[in-house]
Amino acid sequence: MPADGAFLAYHEPGGESTPRFPLLGVLPDYLAADHTRTRTVVSILTLISFFVFLAVAEWVAERVLGAGLLGHMVAGLVYGAPIANILAPEWQDAFLALGYLGLILIIFEGGLTIRLDLLAQNLVLAVLAALLGVLTPIALSFALLYAGFGYGAIEAFIVGTALCSTSLGTTFVVINNASKAVDFSQTRIGTVLISAAVLDDVCGLVLVSVIQQLRGLSGGGASTALGWIIGRPILASGLLGLLTPLAAKFVLGPAFRRLVKAGAVRERFQHAANMALMVLLLSAFLAVAAYAGASVLLGAFLAGTVVSSLPGRPVDARLHGSDAALAARPAFADTFGKYIGDVQRYVLQPLFFASIGFAIPFLELWTGEAVWKGVVFAVLMVCGKLVVGLCVPLWDLAAVRQSPTGSAEKSAGAHRRRVLAASWTPGALLGTAMVARGEIGLLIIQIGLNDTPFLSRSAFVVGVWAIVLNTIVGPVSIGFLVKRVGLRVAENPRWGTQARRQHSVEMQSGGESQGGSDQARGSREEIPG
């Protein structure tokens, strides 16, 4: 195998192969060929063992901890630079790139399967949950690292920023895999969770831009463009969030309907057409988000929601007459599963979580001071995300107080207690699912270490401890909760699986009818007795 990791040597046109191993040129031909063949076989066997280890580690972690993705991280630790460094650096770089592609597809699929009607109804709650999940870890970081451990204020801010994020990939994968009987993307609490996690990523991007500018502050002068650098991702993310649904409803949706009704795509090519459209929209949103200054992960999520909003999904099966062609089209989610699902599930997704293992400085974590400080800080950061779950009972409490009961005060008090008792389980699910930090937290804290002079190695290791432990505790805890109470949450009339509104079907099919909106609004405000 060539030194750069490629299996094929370069050949000059019409000439002989260019030697890639100068030392081999002085050896006899049969020795050189044998040496090259041995290196190639060793590389192939190493790759085979890596993928086998990925699969075995996932199976063991799923059986023991209920979170198979932790097995992938262990494989990345063992085969990557943190421990044994078995994989060649070029292969680690390649798997990092493929893993990032896997993350983009995980988030795109999350947007593709999310309930858009529930997303619109619960946007305010999702924003409140996201803000609480961002501000609380930063405040707790100042309380412990700055006031307790004696680190600098900017150090506490950088570490708190890394711990305010939520791992989007981990959130989507855990929610999708934790229960085979419940589709949490169809539940209200699942929609709030996904929306809050995406907003956490947007907030993290803004704070990363602040961290990257701290280098200029160390020179004694503030950057004149600091306001624009901070405001650009906020403005770009806000405009993307506002313009995307408008473009989907008034431009992309009608154009898609006209193409389908005109019979532009034959029936046997409909899956291929769906696939081409998804690739085109995903690429366009990634490019727009990146050049505008927003997160490409936000772009992937919005691309999924746009595809999800296009008419012709299975929910439109009730359409008749001229809309029959739309109802007969294969669902975009089915096309995604047919063409990409297996590759994502068995190749790209494991590589993404293995790439998290590549980035963990494992050997630096094991000093006495780092261990106890990291564990204490990790416990505090778990609490910093668990408090997000309080949004659910508080939201229910506000709704109960606003809804007329028409009964005696004693009966109203009993009614309020029943509603609050039923809201703690969904709240625990929401808070626990926000605990995992994963790739986003590691990225932010590495930027703080490498791009600024403020973050010490000691504070970096303490932060990494908290990120790693939270990334382990989060998936294990949410897997346990879903298996124990997942069905109960899904059956909760207020936070579980919600019936689709008829008017939302009409809007997706291009109709402008708002009939039933008042009824839907009233149904959302109904509090189960």
Protein backbone atom coordinates (compact mmCIF):
# COMPACT_ATOMS: atom_id res chain seq x y z
CA MET A 1 0.00 0.00 0.00
CA PRO A 2 1.41 3.44 -0.85
CA ALA A 3 2.57 5.65 1.96
CA ASP A 4 -0.30 8.11 1.53
CA GLY A 5 -2.93 5.43 2.09
CA ALA A 6 -4.10 5.07 -1.53
CA PHE A 7 -4.40 1.56 -2.85
CA LEU A 8 -3.51 2.56 -6.41
CA ALA A 9 -0.15 3.96 -7.51
CA TYR A 10 0.00 6.81 -9.99
CA HIS A 11 0.80 5.86 -13.63
CA GLU A 12 2.23 8.32 -16.13
CA PRO A 13 0.28 8.25 -19.44
CA GLY A 14 2.05 5.71 -21.61
CA GLY A 15 4.70 5.16 -19.03
CA GLU A 16 5.49 2.99 -16.06
CA SER A 17 4.25 3.35 -12.54
CA THR A 18 5.90 6.15 -10.58
CA PRO A 19 7.70 4.61 -7.60
CA ARG A 20 6.14 5.68 -4.30
CA PHE A 21 8.71 3.94 -2.08
CA PRO A 22 12.22 5.21 -2.98
CA LEU A 23 13.85 2.60 -0.76
CA LEU A 24 12.21 -0.20 -2.72
CA GLY A 25 13.97 0.91 -5.89
CA VAL A 26 17.28 -0.44 -4.60
CA LEU A 27 15.81 -3.83 -3.61
CA PRO A 28 15.37 -6.79 -5.91
CA ASP A 29 12.04 -6.77 -7.75
CA TYR A 30 10.60 -9.78 -5.95
CA LEU A 31 11.44 -8.28 -2.52
CA ALA A 32 9.85 -4.94 -3.43
CA ALA A 33 6.69 -6.62 -4.70
CA ASP A 34 6.47 -8.78 -1.58
CA HIS A 35 6.93 -5.78 0.71
CA THR A 36 4.22 -3.74 -1.08
CA ARG A 37 1.85 -6.72 -1.06
CA THR A 38 2.39 -7.19 2.68
CA ARG A 39 1.68 -3.53 3.43
CA THR A 40 -1.49 -3.65 1.35
CA VAL A 41 -2.76 -6.80 3.07
CA VAL A 42 -2.02 -5.37 6.52
CA SER A 43 -3.95 -2.20 5.67
CA ILE A 44 -6.92 -4.19 4.36
CA LEU A 45 -6.97 -6.45 7.42
CA THR A 46 -6.74 -3.41 9.70
CA LEU A 47 -9.77 -1.85 8.04
CA ILE A 48 -11.70 -5.10 8.25
CA SER A 49 -10.89 -5.46 11.94
CA PHE A 50 -11.98 -1.84 12.55
CA PHE A 51 -15.43 -2.33 11.03
CA VAL A 52 -15.87 -5.67 12.78
CA PHE A 53 -14.90 -4.05 16.07
CA LEU A 54 -17.42 -1.27 15.38
CA ALA A 55 -20.21 -3.82 14.97
CA VAL A 56 -19.22 -5.95 17.97
CA ALA A 57 -18.77 -2.91 20.23
CA GLU A 58 -22.19 -1.60 19.21
CA TRP A 59 -23.81 -4.97 20.00
CA VAL A 60 -22.14 -5.17 23.42
CA ALA A 61 -22.96 -1.56 24.34
CA GLU A 62 -26.56 -2.03 23.25
CA ARG A 63 -26.96 -5.18 25.35
CA VAL A 64 -25.16 -3.84 28.43
CA LEU A 65 -25.94 -0.12 28.43
CA GLY A 66 -28.82 0.22 26.01
CA ALA A 67 -26.83 2.73 23.90
CA GLY A 68 -25.00 1.15 20.97
CA LEU A 69 -23.44 4.43 19.88
CA LEU A 70 -21.13 4.30 22.91
CA GLY A 71 -19.56 1.19 21.40
CA HIS A 72 -18.72 3.20 18.29
CA MET A 73 -17.01 5.83 20.44
CA VAL A 74 -14.97 3.15 22.18
CA ALA A 75 -13.88 1.81 18.79
CA GLY A 76 -12.76 5.29 17.81
CA LEU A 77 -10.80 5.63 21.04
CA VAL A 78 -9.02 2.30 20.56
CA TYR A 79 -8.26 2.54 16.85
CA GLY A 80 -7.65 6.29 16.78
CA ALA A 81 -4.90 8.53 18.09
CA PRO A 82 -6.16 8.70 21.73
CA ILE A 83 -5.08 5.13 22.63
CA ALA A 84 -3.56 2.68 20.15
CA ASN A 85 -3.46 4.75 16.94
CA ILE A 86 -3.97 1.61 14.86
CA LEU A 87 -5.55 3.35 11.90
CA ALA A 88 -3.25 5.34 9.63
CA PRO A 89 -3.71 9.14 9.97
CA GLU A 90 -5.07 9.40 6.42
CA TRP A 91 -7.76 6.84 7.21
CA GLN A 92 -8.71 8.70 10.36
CA ASP A 93 -9.06 11.89 8.31
CA ALA A 94 -11.19 10.06 5.75
CA PHE A 95 -13.44 8.59 8.44
CA LEU A 96 -13.78 12.04 10.04
CA ALA A 97 -15.07 13.39 6.71
CA LEU A 98 -17.43 10.44 6.20
CA GLY A 99 -18.60 10.74 9.80
CA TYR A 100 -19.45 14.41 9.29
CA LEU A 101 -21.43 13.42 6.20
CA GLY A 102 -23.22 10.88 8.38
CA LEU A 103 -24.06 13.62 10.90
CA ILE A 104 -25.52 15.79 8.13
CA LEU A 105 -27.68 12.89 6.93
CA ILE A 106 -28.83 12.10 10.48
CA ILE A 107 -30.02 15.68 10.92
CA PHE A 108 -31.54 15.81 7.44
CA GLU A 109 -33.52 12.68 8.24
CA GLY A 110 -34.64 14.31 11.49
CA GLY A 111 -36.05 17.25 9.55
CA LEU A 112 -37.56 14.87 7.01
CA THR A 113 -39.54 12.94 9.63
CA ILE A 114 -40.47 15.73 12.06
CA ARG A 115 -44.12 16.77 12.40
CA LEU A 116 -44.28 20.26 10.92
CA ASP A 117 -47.68 20.97 12.46
CA LEU A 118 -46.32 20.17 15.94
CA LEU A 119 -43.18 22.19 15.21
CA ALA A 120 -45.24 25.30 14.45
CA GLN A 121 -47.50 24.81 17.46
CA ASN A 122 -44.65 24.37 19.95
CA LEU A 123 -42.04 26.78 18.62
CA VAL A 124 -42.31 29.16 21.59
CA LEU A 125 -41.87 26.31 24.06
CA ALA A 126 -38.88 24.99 22.08
CA VAL A 127 -37.24 28.45 22.13
CA LEU A 128 -37.72 28.73 25.90
CA ALA A 129 -36.30 25.23 26.44
CA ALA A 130 -33.30 26.00 24.23
CA LEU A 131 -32.53 29.27 26.04
CA LEU A 132 -32.75 27.55 29.42
CA GLY A 133 -30.46 24.78 28.14
CA VAL A 134 -27.88 27.33 26.96
CA LEU A 135 -27.87 29.83 29.80
CA THR A 136 -27.97 27.41 32.74
CA PRO A 137 -24.72 25.50 31.91
CA ILE A 138 -22.88 28.79 31.33
CA ALA A 139 -24.10 30.18 34.67
CA LEU A 140 -23.16 26.98 36.49
CA SER A 141 -19.73 27.01 34.83
CA PHE A 142 -19.05 30.47 36.22
CA ALA A 143 -20.29 29.36 39.64
CA LEU A 144 -18.00 26.31 39.84
CA LEU A 145 -14.98 27.00 37.62
CA TYR A 146 -14.61 30.72 38.35
CA ALA A 147 -15.88 31.03 41.92
CA GLY A 148 -15.08 27.49 43.09
CA PHE A 149 -11.99 26.19 41.28
CA GLY A 150 -10.33 29.57 40.70
CA TYR A 151 -10.12 29.49 36.89
CA GLY A 152 -10.35 32.72 34.91
CA ALA A 153 -13.66 34.25 33.90
CA ILE A 154 -12.96 33.80 30.19
CA GLU A 155 -11.94 30.18 30.82
CA ALA A 156 -15.25 29.58 32.57
CA PHE A 157 -17.08 31.18 29.64
CA ILE A 158 -15.32 29.03 27.04
CA VAL A 159 -15.90 25.79 28.93
CA GLY A 160 -19.51 26.77 29.68
CA THR A 161 -20.08 27.49 26.00
CA ALA A 162 -18.81 24.03 25.10
CA LEU A 163 -21.15 22.49 27.68
CA CYS A 164 -24.22 24.52 26.64
CA SER A 165 -24.48 22.64 23.35
CA THR A 166 -26.54 19.53 22.68
CA SER A 167 -25.32 16.76 20.39
CA LEU A 168 -27.77 16.80 17.50
CA GLY A 169 -26.56 13.49 16.08
CA THR A 170 -26.79 11.74 19.44
CA THR A 171 -30.25 13.18 20.10
CA PHE A 172 -31.67 12.00 16.79
CA VAL A 173 -30.10 8.55 16.93
CA VAL A 174 -31.03 7.82 20.54
CA ILE A 175 -34.64 8.93 20.08
CA ASN A 176 -35.00 6.89 16.88
CA ASN A 177 -33.36 3.73 18.23
CA ALA A 178 -34.47 3.69 21.87
CA SER A 179 -37.90 2.24 21.23
CA LYS A 180 -39.14 0.13 18.34
CA ALA A 181 -42.78 0.52 19.39
CA VAL A 182 -42.89 4.34 19.54
CA ASP A 183 -42.02 6.88 16.85
CA PHE A 184 -41.04 9.87 18.95
CA SER A 185 -40.86 12.13 15.91
CA GLN A 186 -44.67 11.95 15.92
CA THR A 187 -44.99 13.02 19.56
CA ARG A 188 -45.24 16.54 20.89
CA ILE A 189 -42.41 16.07 23.38
CA GLY A 190 -40.18 14.61 20.64
CA THR A 191 -40.85 17.63 18.42
CA VAL A 192 -39.98 20.04 21.25
CA LEU A 193 -36.79 18.09 21.93
CA ILE A 194 -35.61 18.14 18.32
CA SER A 195 -36.43 21.83 17.90
CA ALA A 196 -34.66 22.80 21.13
CA ALA A 197 -31.57 20.77 20.16
CA VAL A 198 -31.37 22.52 16.77
CA LEU A 199 -31.72 25.94 18.43
CA ASP A 200 -28.98 24.98 20.89
CA ASP A 201 -26.71 24.40 17.91
CA VAL A 202 -27.53 27.85 16.52
CA CYS A 203 -26.74 29.45 19.89
CA GLY A 204 -23.52 27.45 20.08
CA LEU A 205 -22.48 28.75 16.65
CA VAL A 206 -22.99 32.34 17.79
CA LEU A 207 -20.94 31.77 20.95
CA VAL A 208 -18.18 30.06 18.93
CA SER A 209 -17.84 33.24 16.87
CA VAL A 210 -17.36 35.15 20.13
CA ILE A 211 -14.71 32.69 21.32
CA GLN A 212 -12.80 32.92 18.04
CA GLN A 213 -12.60 36.70 18.47
CA LEU A 214 -11.11 36.46 21.96
CA ARG A 215 -7.66 36.14 20.38
CA GLY A 216 -7.95 39.77 19.22
CA LEU A 217 -8.84 40.89 22.73
CA SER A 218 -5.60 39.40 24.08
CA GLY A 219 -3.59 41.87 21.99
CA GLY A 220 -5.06 44.82 23.87
CA GLY A 221 -7.64 45.94 21.32
CA ALA A 222 -11.10 44.78 20.41
CA SER A 223 -11.91 43.91 16.85
CA THR A 224 -13.95 46.59 15.07
CA ALA A 225 -15.93 43.87 13.32
CA LEU A 226 -16.84 42.02 16.51
CA GLY A 227 -20.46 43.19 16.38
CA TRP A 228 -20.88 41.95 12.82
CA ILE A 229 -19.13 38.67 13.56
CA ILE A 230 -21.48 38.03 16.47
CA GLY A 231 -24.56 39.32 14.66
CA ARG A 232 -23.95 37.57 11.35
CA PRO A 233 -24.82 34.01 12.44
CA ILE A 234 -27.85 35.33 14.37
CA LEU A 235 -29.11 37.25 11.36
CA ALA A 236 -28.35 34.42 8.92
CA SER A 237 -30.02 31.78 11.09
CA GLY A 238 -33.07 33.97 11.69
CA LEU A 239 -33.51 34.76 8.00
CA LEU A 240 -33.12 31.10 7.05
CA GLY A 241 -35.70 30.13 9.63
CA LEU A 242 -38.16 32.77 8.42
CA LEU A 243 -37.68 32.51 4.66
CA THR A 244 -37.53 28.72 4.38
CA PRO A 245 -41.21 28.02 5.24
CA LEU A 246 -42.32 30.90 3.00
CA ALA A 247 -40.31 29.55 0.07
CA ALA A 248 -41.61 26.03 0.71
CA LYS A 249 -45.26 27.12 0.79
CA PHE A 250 -45.38 29.70 -2.00
CA VAL A 251 -42.61 28.63 -4.40
CA LEU A 252 -41.37 25.06 -4.04
CA GLY A 253 -44.70 23.48 -3.08
CA PRO A 254 -46.76 24.87 -6.00
CA ALA A 255 -43.95 24.21 -8.49
CA PHE A 256 -43.68 20.60 -7.27
CA ARG A 257 -47.45 20.11 -7.60
CA ARG A 258 -47.49 21.38 -11.16
CA LEU A 259 -44.64 19.06 -12.15
CA VAL A 260 -46.35 16.02 -10.62
CA LYS A 261 -49.75 16.78 -12.16
CA ALA A 262 -48.15 17.33 -15.55
CA GLY A 263 -46.70 13.81 -15.39
CA ALA A 264 -43.15 15.07 -15.76
CA VAL A 265 -41.76 11.92 -14.10
CA ARG A 266 -42.76 8.41 -15.07
CA GLU A 267 -43.90 6.09 -12.33
CA ARG A 268 -40.85 3.83 -12.43
CA PHE A 269 -38.51 6.82 -12.04
CA GLN A 270 -40.31 8.44 -9.10
CA HIS A 271 -37.91 7.13 -6.47
CA ALA A 272 -34.97 8.38 -8.53
CA ALA A 273 -36.67 11.77 -8.94
CA ASN A 274 -37.27 11.97 -5.20
CA MET A 275 -33.64 11.15 -4.56
CA ALA A 276 -32.40 13.77 -7.03
CA LEU A 277 -34.64 16.41 -5.47
CA MET A 278 -33.43 15.59 -1.94
CA VAL A 279 -29.76 15.77 -2.99
CA LEU A 280 -30.36 19.07 -4.79
CA LEU A 281 -32.21 20.70 -1.88
CA LEU A 282 -29.76 19.40 0.73
CA SER A 283 -26.75 20.65 -1.24
CA ALA A 284 -28.41 24.03 -1.82
CA PHE A 285 -29.26 24.52 1.85
CA LEU A 286 -25.80 23.45 2.99
CA ALA A 287 -24.19 25.95 0.62
CA VAL A 288 -26.55 28.79 1.55
CA ALA A 289 -26.13 28.18 5.28
CA ALA A 290 -22.33 27.97 5.06
CA TYR A 291 -21.84 31.11 2.93
CA ALA A 292 -24.42 33.09 4.89
CA GLY A 293 -22.63 32.36 8.17
CA ALA A 294 -25.21 30.01 9.70
CA SER A 295 -24.62 26.43 10.80
CA VAL A 296 -24.57 23.81 8.06
CA LEU A 297 -26.37 21.54 10.51
CA LEU A 298 -29.22 24.04 10.61
CA GLY A 299 -29.16 24.00 6.81
CA ALA A 300 -29.44 20.21 6.79
CA PHE A 301 -32.38 20.31 9.20
CA LEU A 302 -34.21 22.99 7.20
CA ALA A 303 -33.64 21.05 3.97
CA GLY A 304 -35.30 18.04 5.58
CA THR A 305 -38.29 20.10 6.69
CA VAL A 306 -38.70 21.56 3.20
CA VAL A 307 -38.74 18.09 1.64
CA SER A 308 -41.14 16.97 4.35
CA SER A 309 -43.52 19.84 3.51
CA LEU A 310 -43.82 18.93 -0.17
CA PRO A 311 -47.21 17.37 -1.02
CA GLY A 312 -47.56 13.73 -1.87
CA ARG A 313 -46.68 12.09 1.43
CA PRO A 314 -48.71 9.18 2.82
CA VAL A 315 -50.74 11.60 4.94
CA ASP A 316 -52.20 12.93 1.70
CA ALA A 317 -53.78 9.57 0.88
CA ARG A 318 -57.21 11.10 1.52
CA LEU A 319 -56.81 13.42 -1.47
CA HIS A 320 -59.05 12.73 -4.41
CA GLY A 321 -59.60 13.83 -8.00
CA SER A 322 -56.80 15.91 -9.44
CA ASP A 323 -54.60 15.25 -6.37
CA ALA A 324 -54.59 11.48 -6.84
CA ALA A 325 -51.20 11.66 -8.57
CA LEU A 326 -49.74 13.34 -5.50
CA ALA A 327 -51.16 10.73 -3.15
CA ALA A 328 -49.79 7.92 -5.30
CA ARG A 329 -46.21 9.19 -5.23
CA PRO A 330 -43.72 7.34 -3.03
CA ALA A 331 -42.93 9.15 0.21
CA PHE A 332 -39.62 10.98 0.44
CA ALA A 333 -38.93 9.18 3.70
CA ASP A 334 -39.41 5.85 1.92
CA THR A 335 -36.99 6.93 -0.81
CA PHE A 336 -34.45 7.98 1.81
CA GLY A 337 -34.74 4.63 3.54
CA LYS A 338 -34.45 2.70 0.27
CA TYR A 339 -31.38 4.44 -1.12
CA ILE A 340 -29.54 5.82 1.91
CA GLY A 341 -30.95 4.18 5.04
CA ASP A 342 -28.71 1.11 5.15
CA VAL A 343 -25.54 3.00 4.22
CA GLN A 344 -26.24 5.58 6.89
CA ARG A 345 -27.21 3.03 9.54
CA TYR A 346 -24.30 0.60 9.08
CA VAL A 347 -21.47 2.79 7.71
CA LEU A 348 -21.80 6.57 8.05
CA GLN A 349 -23.51 6.68 11.44
CA PRO A 350 -20.96 4.37 13.14
CA LEU A 351 -18.13 6.37 11.58
CA PHE A 352 -19.61 9.60 12.94
CA PHE A 353 -19.65 8.32 16.52
CA ALA A 354 -16.24 6.72 16.06
CA SER A 355 -14.93 10.12 14.96
CA ILE A 356 -16.03 11.50 18.34
CA GLY A 357 -13.74 8.89 19.91
CA PHE A 358 -10.89 10.08 17.65
CA ALA A 359 -11.12 13.55 19.26
CA ILE A 360 -11.11 12.59 22.96
CA PRO A 361 -7.69 13.16 24.63
CA PHE A 362 -8.07 9.96 26.62
CA LEU A 363 -4.63 9.67 28.23
CA GLU A 364 -4.66 13.26 29.52
CA LEU A 365 -7.80 12.65 31.56
CA TRP A 366 -6.25 10.34 34.14
CA THR A 367 -4.66 12.58 36.73
CA GLY A 368 -6.03 12.82 40.26
CA GLU A 369 -7.01 16.48 40.12
CA ALA A 370 -8.50 16.19 36.64
CA VAL A 371 -10.62 13.19 37.63
CA TRP A 372 -12.31 14.64 40.70
CA LYS A 373 -12.78 18.10 39.22
CA GLY A 374 -14.06 16.63 35.98
CA VAL A 375 -16.54 14.34 37.73
CA VAL A 376 -17.90 17.13 39.94
CA PHE A 377 -18.22 19.45 36.95
CA ALA A 378 -19.87 16.71 34.89
CA VAL A 379 -22.53 16.16 37.57
CA LEU A 380 -23.25 19.88 37.61
CA MET A 381 -23.53 19.95 33.83
CA VAL A 382 -25.97 17.04 33.88
CA CYS A 383 -28.14 19.11 36.22
CA GLY A 384 -27.72 22.09 33.89
CA LYS A 385 -29.54 20.21 31.14
CA LEU A 386 -32.00 18.31 33.32
CA VAL A 387 -33.56 21.62 34.35
CA VAL A 388 -34.77 21.99 30.76
CA GLY A 389 -37.36 19.35 31.61
CA LEU A 390 -38.98 21.81 34.04
CA CYS A 391 -40.37 23.63 31.01
CA VAL A 392 -42.95 20.88 30.56
CA PRO A 393 -44.69 21.00 33.98
CA LEU A 394 -44.39 24.80 34.06
CA TRP A 395 -45.99 25.02 30.63
CA ASP A 396 -48.80 22.74 31.77
CA LEU A 397 -49.24 24.73 34.96
CA ALA A 398 -49.64 27.95 32.98
CA ALA A 399 -52.13 26.26 30.65
CA VAL A 400 -54.17 24.91 33.56
CA ARG A 401 -54.43 28.33 35.17
CA GLN A 402 -55.57 29.90 31.90
CA SER A 403 -58.19 27.24 31.07
CA PRO A 404 -61.64 27.61 32.64
CA THR A 405 -62.60 24.63 34.78
CA GLY A 406 -66.17 25.54 35.64
CA SER A 407 -65.91 23.60 38.88
CA ALA A 408 -65.35 24.22 42.56
CA GLU A 409 -61.95 25.36 43.79
CA LYS A 410 -61.23 21.99 45.39
CA SER A 411 -62.01 20.16 42.17
CA ALA A 412 -59.85 22.61 40.22
CA GLY A 413 -56.94 21.93 42.57
CA ALA A 414 -57.28 18.18 42.08
CA HIS A 415 -57.44 18.70 38.33
CA ARG A 416 -54.24 20.77 38.43
CA ARG A 417 -52.43 18.12 40.44
CA ARG A 418 -53.43 15.40 37.95
CA VAL A 419 -52.15 17.44 35.03
CA LEU A 420 -48.84 18.21 36.74
CA ALA A 421 -48.38 14.59 37.80
CA ALA A 422 -48.76 13.50 34.16
CA SER A 423 -46.25 16.11 32.93
CA TRP A 424 -43.22 15.09 34.99
CA THR A 425 -42.45 12.00 32.91
CA PRO A 426 -42.35 13.88 29.56
CA GLY A 427 -40.31 16.58 31.30
CA ALA A 428 -37.77 14.03 32.53
CA LEU A 429 -37.54 12.62 29.01
CA LEU A 430 -36.89 16.08 27.55
CA GLY A 431 -34.24 17.04 30.10
CA THR A 432 -32.41 13.71 29.92
CA ALA A 433 -32.31 13.72 26.11
CA MET A 434 -30.59 17.14 26.18
CA VAL A 435 -27.69 15.92 28.36
CA ALA A 436 -25.39 14.48 25.64
CA ARG A 437 -22.85 17.00 24.28
CA GLY A 438 -20.78 14.90 21.89
CA GLU A 439 -19.19 16.36 18.79
CA ILE A 440 -20.39 19.96 19.21
CA GLY A 441 -18.96 20.30 22.73
CA LEU A 442 -15.60 18.83 21.73
CA LEU A 443 -15.39 21.12 18.72
CA ILE A 444 -16.08 24.25 20.76
CA ILE A 445 -13.63 23.46 23.55
CA GLN A 446 -10.88 22.58 21.05
CA ILE A 447 -11.43 25.94 19.35
CA GLY A 448 -11.05 27.59 22.74
CA LEU A 449 -7.78 25.75 23.37
CA ASN A 450 -6.20 26.13 19.93
CA ASP A 451 -7.50 29.55 18.79
CA THR A 452 -7.27 31.56 22.01
CA PRO A 453 -4.57 32.02 24.68
CA PHE A 454 -7.06 32.05 27.55
CA LEU A 455 -7.99 28.40 28.04
CA SER A 456 -5.44 26.49 30.11
CA ARG A 457 -4.75 22.81 29.61
CA SER A 458 -6.14 22.07 33.08
CA ALA A 459 -9.49 23.74 32.37
CA PHE A 460 -9.58 22.03 28.95
CA VAL A 461 -9.21 18.58 30.54
CA VAL A 462 -11.91 19.33 33.13
CA GLY A 463 -14.24 20.41 30.34
CA VAL A 464 -13.48 17.31 28.29
CA TRP A 465 -14.25 15.13 31.31
CA ALA A 466 -17.68 16.76 31.59
CA ILE A 467 -18.35 16.41 27.85
CA VAL A 468 -17.35 12.74 27.77
CA LEU A 469 -19.30 11.77 30.89
CA ASN A 470 -22.38 13.65 29.73
CA THR A 471 -22.15 11.98 26.33
CA ILE A 472 -22.11 8.61 28.11
CA VAL A 473 -24.75 9.34 30.76
CA GLY A 474 -27.20 10.97 28.33
CA PRO A 475 -27.74 8.07 25.88
CA VAL A 476 -27.73 5.45 28.65
CA SER A 477 -30.28 7.37 30.71
CA ILE A 478 -32.60 8.21 27.83
CA GLY A 479 -32.49 4.61 26.61
CA PHE A 480 -33.48 3.40 30.06
CA LEU A 481 -36.27 5.99 30.34
CA VAL A 482 -37.72 5.25 26.92
CA LYS A 483 -37.82 1.52 27.60
CA ARG A 484 -39.50 2.10 30.96
CA VAL A 485 -41.92 4.94 30.26
CA GLY A 486 -41.73 5.54 26.51
CA LEU A 487 -45.11 3.98 25.78
CA ARG A 488 -46.70 5.95 28.61
CA VAL A 489 -45.30 9.20 27.22
CA ALA A 490 -46.49 8.35 23.72
CA GLU A 491 -50.01 7.76 25.07
CA ASN A 492 -50.04 11.01 27.06
CA PRO A 493 -52.90 13.02 25.47
CA ARG A 494 -51.01 16.29 25.84
CA TRP A 495 -47.36 15.38 25.19
CA GLY A 496 -47.56 12.08 23.33
CA THR A 497 -48.54 11.22 19.77
CA GLN A 498 -50.88 13.86 18.37
CA ALA A 499 -53.51 13.42 15.69
CA ARG A 500 -52.77 15.26 12.48
CA ARG A 501 -54.96 18.24 11.72
CA GLN A 502 -57.07 18.09 8.60
CA HIS A 503 -56.24 21.69 7.76
CA SER A 504 -52.52 20.89 7.76
CA VAL A 505 -53.15 18.27 5.05
CA GLU A 506 -54.99 20.82 2.99
CA MET A 507 -52.16 23.33 3.38
CA GLN A 508 -49.57 20.73 2.35
CA SER A 509 -51.62 19.90 -0.75
CA GLY A 510 -51.60 23.55 -1.81
CA GLY A 511 -54.99 24.60 -0.47
CA GLU A 512 -55.40 27.87 1.35
CA SER A 513 -58.32 26.71 3.48
CA GLN A 514 -57.96 27.56 7.12
CA GLY A 515 -61.02 25.59 8.13
CA GLY A 516 -60.56 23.74 11.34
CA SER A 517 -57.79 26.02 12.59
CA ASP A 518 -59.91 27.26 15.47
CA GLN A 519 -60.83 23.68 16.29
CA ALA A 520 -57.16 22.64 16.20
CA ARG A 521 -56.24 25.55 18.41
CA GLY A 522 -58.91 24.63 20.89
CA SER A 523 -57.78 21.03 20.86
CA ARG A 524 -54.21 22.06 21.62
CA GLU A 525 -55.33 24.00 24.66
CA GLU A 526 -57.45 21.18 26.03
CA ILE A 527 -56.08 19.87 29.31
CA PRO A 528 -56.74 16.22 30.08
CA GLY A 529 -58.66 15.68 33.26
